[in-house]
Amino acid sequence: MSAEIITKEDLDEFEKRIIDKIDSLFGRKIKEQPKWLKSYQVKNLLKISPNTLQKLRTDGTLRPTKIGGVFYYNYEEILKIFDRPNEV
């Protein structure tokens, strides 16, 4: 019997296919913001450089979770940055 390794990307793709199938059955599309964003998504959202993202990590402004060498950022935490008054 052979073993098959399932990666996180496989599960993400499977989730997307299930959601698309459910949406097609109900005839609607629901666009929901993901709870966790990868570094490239945060850089695109905030329109910042990789160095700026690194600085936000090291100064504690953003606290990512690292899984398998990939940083994940909580979307709600990113939104709180915009709500915070300028600190002097």
PDB file of N, CA and C in Angstrom:
ATOM      1  N   MET A   1       0.843  -1.164   0.000  1.00  0.00           N
ATOM      2  CA  MET A   1       0.000   0.000   0.000  1.00  0.00           C
ATOM      3  C   MET A   1       0.900   1.243   0.000  1.00  0.00           C
ATOM      4  N   SER A   2       0.617   2.207  -0.868  1.00  0.00           N
ATOM      5  CA  SER A   2       1.428   3.414  -0.954  1.00  0.00           C
ATOM      6  C   SER A   2       0.813   4.526  -0.110  1.00  0.00           C
ATOM      7  N   ALA A   3       1.683   5.354   0.419  1.00  0.00           N
ATOM      8  CA  ALA A   3       1.238   6.494   1.217  1.00  0.00           C
ATOM      9  C   ALA A   3       1.275   7.743   0.355  1.00  0.00           C
ATOM     10  N   GLU A   4       0.336   8.637   0.596  1.00  0.00           N
ATOM     11  CA  GLU A   4       0.276   9.887  -0.145  1.00  0.00           C
ATOM     12  C   GLU A   4       0.347  11.037   0.842  1.00  0.00           C
ATOM     13  N   ILE A   5       1.247  11.974   0.581  1.00  0.00           N
ATOM     14  CA  ILE A   5       1.423  13.114   1.466  1.00  0.00           C
ATOM     15  C   ILE A   5       0.529  14.253   0.991  1.00  0.00           C
ATOM     16  N   ILE A   6      -0.254  14.787   1.923  1.00  0.00           N
ATOM     17  CA  ILE A   6      -1.145  15.899   1.615  1.00  0.00           C
ATOM     18  C   ILE A   6      -0.546  17.157   2.239  1.00  0.00           C
ATOM     19  N   THR A   7      -0.351  18.179   1.414  1.00  0.00           N
ATOM     20  CA  THR A   7       0.231  19.431   1.900  1.00  0.00           C
ATOM     21  C   THR A   7      -0.868  20.433   2.239  1.00  0.00           C
ATOM     22  N   LYS A   8      -0.472  21.521   2.885  1.00  0.00           N
ATOM     23  CA  LYS A   8      -1.415  22.591   3.199  1.00  0.00           C
ATOM     24  C   LYS A   8      -1.999  23.191   1.925  1.00  0.00           C
ATOM     25  N   GLU A   9      -1.165  23.293   0.888  1.00  0.00           N
ATOM     26  CA  GLU A   9      -1.642  23.827  -0.387  1.00  0.00           C
ATOM     27  C   GLU A   9      -2.722  22.924  -0.985  1.00  0.00           C
ATOM     28  N   ASP A  10      -2.557  21.603  -0.831  1.00  0.00           N
ATOM     29  CA  ASP A  10      -3.588  20.670  -1.302  1.00  0.00           C
ATOM     30  C   ASP A  10      -4.904  20.918  -0.570  1.00  0.00           C
ATOM     31  N   LEU A  11      -4.818  21.106   0.743  1.00  0.00           N
ATOM     32  CA  LEU A  11      -6.030  21.351   1.529  1.00  0.00           C
ATOM     33  C   LEU A  11      -6.673  22.685   1.170  1.00  0.00           C
ATOM     34  N   ASP A  12      -5.837  23.712   0.933  1.00  0.00           N
ATOM     35  CA  ASP A  12      -6.369  25.021   0.528  1.00  0.00           C
ATOM     36  C   ASP A  12      -7.110  24.909  -0.804  1.00  0.00           C
ATOM     37  N   GLU A  13      -6.529  24.193  -1.748  1.00  0.00           N
ATOM     38  CA  GLU A  13      -7.166  24.012  -3.058  1.00  0.00           C
ATOM     39  C   GLU A  13      -8.473  23.233  -2.919  1.00  0.00           C
ATOM     40  N   PHE A  14      -8.469  22.197  -2.083  1.00  0.00           N
ATOM     41  CA  PHE A  14      -9.670  21.402  -1.841  1.00  0.00           C
ATOM     42  C   PHE A  14     -10.772  22.267  -1.226  1.00  0.00           C
ATOM     43  N   GLU A  15     -10.394  23.116  -0.246  1.00  0.00           N
ATOM     44  CA  GLU A  15     -11.362  24.023   0.372  1.00  0.00           C
ATOM     45  C   GLU A  15     -11.963  24.964  -0.663  1.00  0.00           C
ATOM     46  N   LYS A  16     -11.120  25.513  -1.535  1.00  0.00           N
ATOM     47  CA  LYS A  16     -11.593  26.436  -2.569  1.00  0.00           C
ATOM     48  C   LYS A  16     -12.585  25.735  -3.502  1.00  0.00           C
ATOM     49  N   ARG A  17     -12.275  24.499  -3.881  1.00  0.00           N
ATOM     50  CA  ARG A  17     -13.179  23.759  -4.776  1.00  0.00           C
ATOM     51  C   ARG A  17     -14.512  23.485  -4.107  1.00  0.00           C
ATOM     52  N   ILE A  18     -14.487  23.148  -2.824  1.00  0.00           N
ATOM     53  CA  ILE A  18     -15.741  22.881  -2.098  1.00  0.00           C
ATOM     54  C   ILE A  18     -16.580  24.153  -2.011  1.00  0.00           C
ATOM     55  N   ILE A  19     -15.936  25.271  -1.665  1.00  0.00           N
ATOM     56  CA  ILE A  19     -16.666  26.540  -1.554  1.00  0.00           C
ATOM     57  C   ILE A  19     -17.243  26.949  -2.900  1.00  0.00           C
ATOM     58  N   ASP A  20     -16.458  26.799  -3.964  1.00  0.00           N
ATOM     59  CA  ASP A  20     -16.962  27.119  -5.303  1.00  0.00           C
ATOM     60  C   ASP A  20     -18.160  26.251  -5.660  1.00  0.00           C
ATOM     61  N   LYS A  21     -18.111  24.974  -5.309  1.00  0.00           N
ATOM     62  CA  LYS A  21     -19.221  24.064  -5.601  1.00  0.00           C
ATOM     63  C   LYS A  21     -20.474  24.473  -4.825  1.00  0.00           C
ATOM     64  N   ILE A  22     -20.317  24.802  -3.551  1.00  0.00           N
ATOM     65  CA  ILE A  22     -21.456  25.223  -2.730  1.00  0.00           C
ATOM     66  C   ILE A  22     -22.047  26.525  -3.272  1.00  0.00           C
ATOM     67  N   ASP A  23     -21.152  27.480  -3.624  1.00  0.00           N
ATOM     68  CA  ASP A  23     -21.621  28.745  -4.191  1.00  0.00           C
ATOM     69  C   ASP A  23     -22.396  28.525  -5.482  1.00  0.00           C
ATOM     70  N   SER A  24     -21.920  27.617  -6.328  1.00  0.00           N
ATOM     71  CA  SER A  24     -22.623  27.363  -7.591  1.00  0.00           C
ATOM     72  C   SER A  24     -23.981  26.714  -7.347  1.00  0.00           C
ATOM     73  N   LEU A  25     -24.084  25.891  -6.311  1.00  0.00           N
ATOM     74  CA  LEU A  25     -25.368  25.265  -5.985  1.00  0.00           C
ATOM     75  C   LEU A  25     -26.384  26.297  -5.508  1.00  0.00           C
ATOM     76  N   PHE A  26     -25.933  27.291  -4.764  1.00  0.00           N
ATOM     77  CA  PHE A  26     -26.831  28.318  -4.255  1.00  0.00           C
ATOM     78  C   PHE A  26     -26.930  29.516  -5.179  1.00  0.00           C
ATOM     79  N   GLY A  27     -26.146  29.531  -6.241  1.00  0.00           N
ATOM     80  CA  GLY A  27     -26.223  30.595  -7.230  1.00  0.00           C
ATOM     81  C   GLY A  27     -25.733  31.939  -6.750  1.00  0.00           C
ATOM     82  N   ARG A  28     -24.786  31.949  -5.850  1.00  0.00           N
ATOM     83  CA  ARG A  28     -24.249  33.218  -5.363  1.00  0.00           C
ATOM     84  C   ARG A  28     -22.769  33.051  -5.073  1.00  0.00           C
ATOM     85  N   LYS A  29     -22.118  34.170  -5.068  1.00  0.00           N
ATOM     86  CA  LYS A  29     -20.694  34.195  -4.754  1.00  0.00           C
ATOM     87  C   LYS A  29     -20.499  35.024  -3.492  1.00  0.00           C
ATOM     88  N   ILE A  30     -19.825  34.468  -2.530  1.00  0.00           N
ATOM     89  CA  ILE A  30     -19.516  35.185  -1.301  1.00  0.00           C
ATOM     90  C   ILE A  30     -18.003  35.367  -1.266  1.00  0.00           C
ATOM     91  N   LYS A  31     -17.593  36.623  -1.258  1.00  0.00           N
ATOM     92  CA  LYS A  31     -16.156  36.924  -1.216  1.00  0.00           C
ATOM     93  C   LYS A  31     -15.806  37.257   0.226  1.00  0.00           C
ATOM     94  N   GLU A  32     -15.108  36.354   0.875  1.00  0.00           N
ATOM     95  CA  GLU A  32     -14.734  36.540   2.262  1.00  0.00           C
ATOM     96  C   GLU A  32     -13.224  36.724   2.360  1.00  0.00           C
ATOM     97  N   GLN A  33     -12.819  37.686   3.154  1.00  0.00           N
ATOM     98  CA  GLN A  33     -11.393  37.930   3.353  1.00  0.00           C
ATOM     99  C   GLN A  33     -10.821  36.784   4.191  1.00  0.00           C
ATOM    100  N   PRO A  34      -9.697  36.228   3.764  1.00  0.00           N
ATOM    101  CA  PRO A  34      -9.106  35.148   4.558  1.00  0.00           C
ATOM    102  C   PRO A  34      -8.632  35.664   5.920  1.00  0.00           C
ATOM    103  N   LYS A  35      -8.655  34.777   6.909  1.00  0.00           N
ATOM    104  CA  LYS A  35      -8.239  35.155   8.254  1.00  0.00           C
ATOM    105  C   LYS A  35      -6.728  35.346   8.333  1.00  0.00           C
ATOM    106  N   TRP A  36      -5.978  34.572   7.580  1.00  0.00           N
ATOM    107  CA  TRP A  36      -4.521  34.640   7.608  1.00  0.00           C
ATOM    108  C   TRP A  36      -3.992  34.994   6.230  1.00  0.00           C
ATOM    109  N   LEU A  37      -3.012  35.900   6.188  1.00  0.00           N
ATOM    110  CA  LEU A  37      -2.409  36.331   4.931  1.00  0.00           C
ATOM    111  C   LEU A  37      -0.930  35.981   4.922  1.00  0.00           C
ATOM    112  N   LYS A  38      -0.429  35.637   3.743  1.00  0.00           N
ATOM    113  CA  LYS A  38       0.999  35.401   3.579  1.00  0.00           C
ATOM    114  C   LYS A  38       1.692  36.744   3.370  1.00  0.00           C
ATOM    115  N   SER A  39       3.021  36.727   3.445  1.00  0.00           N
ATOM    116  CA  SER A  39       3.811  37.960   3.353  1.00  0.00           C
ATOM    117  C   SER A  39       3.499  38.745   2.086  1.00  0.00           C
ATOM    118  N   TYR A  40       3.447  38.069   0.934  1.00  0.00           N
ATOM    119  CA  TYR A  40       3.206  38.792  -0.317  1.00  0.00           C
ATOM    120  C   TYR A  40       1.835  39.460  -0.313  1.00  0.00           C
ATOM    121  N   GLN A  41       0.841  38.840   0.343  1.00  0.00           N
ATOM    122  CA  GLN A  41      -0.492  39.431   0.407  1.00  0.00           C
ATOM    123  C   GLN A  41      -0.501  40.680   1.297  1.00  0.00           C
ATOM    124  N   VAL A  42       0.252  40.626   2.396  1.00  0.00           N
ATOM    125  CA  VAL A  42       0.346  41.779   3.289  1.00  0.00           C
ATOM    126  C   VAL A  42       1.058  42.924   2.576  1.00  0.00           C
ATOM    127  N   LYS A  43       2.148  42.610   1.866  1.00  0.00           N
ATOM    128  CA  LYS A  43       2.873  43.653   1.128  1.00  0.00           C
ATOM    129  C   LYS A  43       1.974  44.301   0.087  1.00  0.00           C
ATOM    130  N   ASN A  44       1.169  43.507  -0.615  1.00  0.00           N
ATOM    131  CA  ASN A  44       0.247  44.066  -1.612  1.00  0.00           C
ATOM    132  C   ASN A  44      -0.858  44.890  -0.954  1.00  0.00           C
ATOM    133  N   LEU A  45      -1.389  44.408   0.146  1.00  0.00           N
ATOM    134  CA  LEU A  45      -2.471  45.098   0.842  1.00  0.00           C
ATOM    135  C   LEU A  45      -2.008  46.450   1.377  1.00  0.00           C
ATOM    136  N   LEU A  46      -0.829  46.463   2.014  1.00  0.00           N
ATOM    137  CA  LEU A  46      -0.321  47.688   2.619  1.00  0.00           C
ATOM    138  C   LEU A  46       0.528  48.526   1.666  1.00  0.00           C
ATOM    139  N   LYS A  47       0.811  47.951   0.489  1.00  0.00           N
ATOM    140  CA  LYS A  47       1.668  48.616  -0.505  1.00  0.00           C
ATOM    141  C   LYS A  47       3.013  49.017   0.111  1.00  0.00           C
ATOM    142  N   ILE A  48       3.686  47.994   0.673  1.00  0.00           N
ATOM    143  CA  ILE A  48       4.975  48.205   1.317  1.00  0.00           C
ATOM    144  C   ILE A  48       6.014  47.269   0.713  1.00  0.00           C
ATOM    145  N   SER A  49       7.269  47.564   0.972  1.00  0.00           N
ATOM    146  CA  SER A  49       8.375  46.751   0.466  1.00  0.00           C
ATOM    147  C   SER A  49       8.650  45.590   1.419  1.00  0.00           C
ATOM    148  N   PRO A  50       9.413  44.597   0.954  1.00  0.00           N
ATOM    149  CA  PRO A  50       9.800  43.498   1.848  1.00  0.00           C
ATOM    150  C   PRO A  50      10.566  43.997   3.083  1.00  0.00           C
ATOM    151  N   ASN A  51      11.411  45.029   2.905  1.00  0.00           N
ATOM    152  CA  ASN A  51      12.160  45.567   4.045  1.00  0.00           C
ATOM    153  C   ASN A  51      11.238  46.214   5.075  1.00  0.00           C
ATOM    154  N   THR A  52      10.214  46.900   4.615  1.00  0.00           N
ATOM    155  CA  THR A  52       9.269  47.520   5.540  1.00  0.00           C
ATOM    156  C   THR A  52       8.506  46.455   6.311  1.00  0.00           C
ATOM    157  N   LEU A  53       8.126  45.390   5.638  1.00  0.00           N
ATOM    158  CA  LEU A  53       7.433  44.294   6.311  1.00  0.00           C
ATOM    159  C   LEU A  53       8.349  43.668   7.363  1.00  0.00           C
ATOM    160  N   GLN A  54       9.613  43.487   7.030  1.00  0.00           N
ATOM    161  CA  GLN A  54      10.589  42.961   7.988  1.00  0.00           C
ATOM    162  C   GLN A  54      10.681  43.873   9.216  1.00  0.00           C
ATOM    163  N   LYS A  55      10.701  45.204   8.981  1.00  0.00           N
ATOM    164  CA  LYS A  55      10.778  46.164  10.086  1.00  0.00           C
ATOM    165  C   LYS A  55       9.535  46.069  10.974  1.00  0.00           C
ATOM    166  N   LEU A  56       8.357  45.926  10.368  1.00  0.00           N
ATOM    167  CA  LEU A  56       7.123  45.788  11.138  1.00  0.00           C
ATOM    168  C   LEU A  56       7.144  44.527  11.995  1.00  0.00           C
ATOM    169  N   ARG A  57       7.791  43.477  11.485  1.00  0.00           N
ATOM    170  CA  ARG A  57       7.930  42.239  12.256  1.00  0.00           C
ATOM    171  C   ARG A  57       8.885  42.435  13.431  1.00  0.00           C
ATOM    172  N   THR A  58      10.052  43.022  13.158  1.00  0.00           N
ATOM    173  CA  THR A  58      11.076  43.129  14.203  1.00  0.00           C
ATOM    174  C   THR A  58      10.717  44.143  15.285  1.00  0.00           C
ATOM    175  N   ASP A  59       9.972  45.200  14.932  1.00  0.00           N
ATOM    176  CA  ASP A  59       9.598  46.166  15.977  1.00  0.00           C
ATOM    177  C   ASP A  59       8.310  45.772  16.700  1.00  0.00           C
ATOM    178  N   GLY A  60       7.708  44.662  16.315  1.00  0.00           N
ATOM    179  CA  GLY A  60       6.543  44.143  17.027  1.00  0.00           C
ATOM    180  C   GLY A  60       5.213  44.705  16.582  1.00  0.00           C
ATOM    181  N   THR A  61       5.212  45.536  15.536  1.00  0.00           N
ATOM    182  CA  THR A  61       3.949  46.080  15.038  1.00  0.00           C
ATOM    183  C   THR A  61       3.062  44.964  14.501  1.00  0.00           C
ATOM    184  N   LEU A  62       3.667  44.054  13.753  1.00  0.00           N
ATOM    185  CA  LEU A  62       2.965  42.859  13.269  1.00  0.00           C
ATOM    186  C   LEU A  62       3.619  41.632  13.898  1.00  0.00           C
ATOM    187  N   ARG A  63       2.792  40.741  14.397  1.00  0.00           N
ATOM    188  CA  ARG A  63       3.298  39.512  15.007  1.00  0.00           C
ATOM    189  C   ARG A  63       2.830  38.316  14.174  1.00  0.00           C
ATOM    190  N   PRO A  64       3.668  37.866  13.262  1.00  0.00           N
ATOM    191  CA  PRO A  64       3.256  36.751  12.416  1.00  0.00           C
ATOM    192  C   PRO A  64       3.382  35.420  13.134  1.00  0.00           C
ATOM    193  N   THR A  65       2.732  34.432  12.555  1.00  0.00           N
ATOM    194  CA  THR A  65       2.897  33.045  12.970  1.00  0.00           C
ATOM    195  C   THR A  65       3.692  32.373  11.866  1.00  0.00           C
ATOM    196  N   LYS A  66       4.743  31.665  12.238  1.00  0.00           N
ATOM    197  CA  LYS A  66       5.594  31.019  11.242  1.00  0.00           C
ATOM    198  C   LYS A  66       5.302  29.522  11.238  1.00  0.00           C
ATOM    199  N   ILE A  67       4.908  29.031  10.068  1.00  0.00           N
ATOM    200  CA  ILE A  67       4.606  27.611   9.905  1.00  0.00           C
ATOM    201  C   ILE A  67       5.406  27.106   8.715  1.00  0.00           C
ATOM    202  N   GLY A  68       6.302  26.183   8.964  1.00  0.00           N
ATOM    203  CA  GLY A  68       7.095  25.595   7.888  1.00  0.00           C
ATOM    204  C   GLY A  68       7.891  26.605   7.091  1.00  0.00           C
ATOM    205  N   GLY A  69       8.407  27.628   7.746  1.00  0.00           N
ATOM    206  CA  GLY A  69       9.211  28.626   7.056  1.00  0.00           C
ATOM    207  C   GLY A  69       8.411  29.722   6.374  1.00  0.00           C
ATOM    208  N   VAL A  70       7.089  29.713   6.524  1.00  0.00           N
ATOM    209  CA  VAL A  70       6.232  30.715   5.898  1.00  0.00           C
ATOM    210  C   VAL A  70       5.586  31.554   7.001  1.00  0.00           C
ATOM    211  N   PHE A  71       5.672  32.878   6.847  1.00  0.00           N
ATOM    212  CA  PHE A  71       5.030  33.775   7.805  1.00  0.00           C
ATOM    213  C   PHE A  71       3.569  33.974   7.425  1.00  0.00           C
ATOM    214  N   TYR A  72       2.676  33.883   8.421  1.00  0.00           N
ATOM    215  CA  TYR A  72       1.259  34.153   8.241  1.00  0.00           C
ATOM    216  C   TYR A  72       0.874  35.286   9.187  1.00  0.00           C
ATOM    217  N   TYR A  73       0.091  36.236   8.673  1.00  0.00           N
ATOM    218  CA  TYR A  73      -0.309  37.415   9.438  1.00  0.00           C
ATOM    219  C   TYR A  73      -1.819  37.412   9.605  1.00  0.00           C
ATOM    220  N   ASN A  74      -2.277  37.736  10.815  1.00  0.00           N
ATOM    221  CA  ASN A  74      -3.699  37.796  11.105  1.00  0.00           C
ATOM    222  C   ASN A  74      -4.286  39.048  10.462  1.00  0.00           C
ATOM    223  N   TYR A  75      -5.309  38.863   9.624  1.00  0.00           N
ATOM    224  CA  TYR A  75      -5.915  39.977   8.894  1.00  0.00           C
ATOM    225  C   TYR A  75      -6.498  41.017   9.846  1.00  0.00           C
ATOM    226  N   GLU A  76      -7.139  40.572  10.927  1.00  0.00           N
ATOM    227  CA  GLU A  76      -7.745  41.510  11.880  1.00  0.00           C
ATOM    228  C   GLU A  76      -6.674  42.357  12.565  1.00  0.00           C
ATOM    229  N   GLU A  77      -5.505  41.764  12.836  1.00  0.00           N
ATOM    230  CA  GLU A  77      -4.409  42.511  13.453  1.00  0.00           C
ATOM    231  C   GLU A  77      -3.898  43.597  12.500  1.00  0.00           C
ATOM    232  N   ILE A  78      -3.873  43.298  11.221  1.00  0.00           N
ATOM    233  CA  ILE A  78      -3.447  44.288  10.226  1.00  0.00           C
ATOM    234  C   ILE A  78      -4.434  45.453  10.193  1.00  0.00           C
ATOM    235  N   LEU A  79      -5.730  45.152  10.273  1.00  0.00           N
ATOM    236  CA  LEU A  79      -6.740  46.218  10.278  1.00  0.00           C
ATOM    237  C   LEU A  79      -6.596  47.123  11.500  1.00  0.00           C
ATOM    238  N   LYS A  80      -6.188  46.554  12.633  1.00  0.00           N
ATOM    239  CA  LYS A  80      -6.026  47.347  13.854  1.00  0.00           C
ATOM    240  C   LYS A  80      -4.917  48.383  13.702  1.00  0.00           C
ATOM    241  N   ILE A  81      -3.929  48.110  12.852  1.00  0.00           N
ATOM    242  CA  ILE A  81      -2.850  49.069  12.623  1.00  0.00           C
ATOM    243  C   ILE A  81      -3.428  50.373  12.079  1.00  0.00           C
ATOM    244  N   PHE A  82      -4.432  50.271  11.198  1.00  0.00           N
ATOM    245  CA  PHE A  82      -5.036  51.457  10.614  1.00  0.00           C
ATOM    246  C   PHE A  82      -5.878  52.222  11.632  1.00  0.00           C
ATOM    247  N   ASP A  83      -6.425  51.533  12.636  1.00  0.00           N
ATOM    248  CA  ASP A  83      -7.262  52.165  13.641  1.00  0.00           C
ATOM    249  C   ASP A  83      -6.439  52.841  14.734  1.00  0.00           C
ATOM    250  N   ARG A  84      -5.171  52.479  14.870  1.00  0.00           N
ATOM    251  CA  ARG A  84      -4.313  52.994  15.927  1.00  0.00           C
ATOM    252  C   ARG A  84      -3.904  54.438  15.634  1.00  0.00           C
ATOM    253  N   PRO A  85      -4.046  55.344  16.606  1.00  0.00           N
ATOM    254  CA  PRO A  85      -3.581  56.728  16.370  1.00  0.00           C
ATOM    255  C   PRO A  85      -2.054  56.747  16.261  1.00  0.00           C
ATOM    256  N   ASN A  86      -1.539  57.765  15.618  1.00  0.00           N
ATOM    257  CA  ASN A  86      -0.079  57.890  15.460  1.00  0.00           C
ATOM    258  C   ASN A  86       0.568  57.987  16.825  1.00  0.00           C
ATOM    259  N   GLU A  87       1.555  57.118  17.041  1.00  0.00           N
ATOM    260  CA  GLU A  87       2.267  57.118  18.308  1.00  0.00           C
ATOM    261  C   GLU A  87       3.533  57.933  18.171  1.00  0.00           C
ATOM    262  N   VAL A  88       3.787  58.767  19.149  1.00  0.00           N
ATOM    263  CA  VAL A  88       4.970  59.625  19.122  1.00  0.00           C
ATOM    264  C   VAL A  88       5.966  59.169  20.148  1.00  0.00           C
TER     265      VAL A  88
END
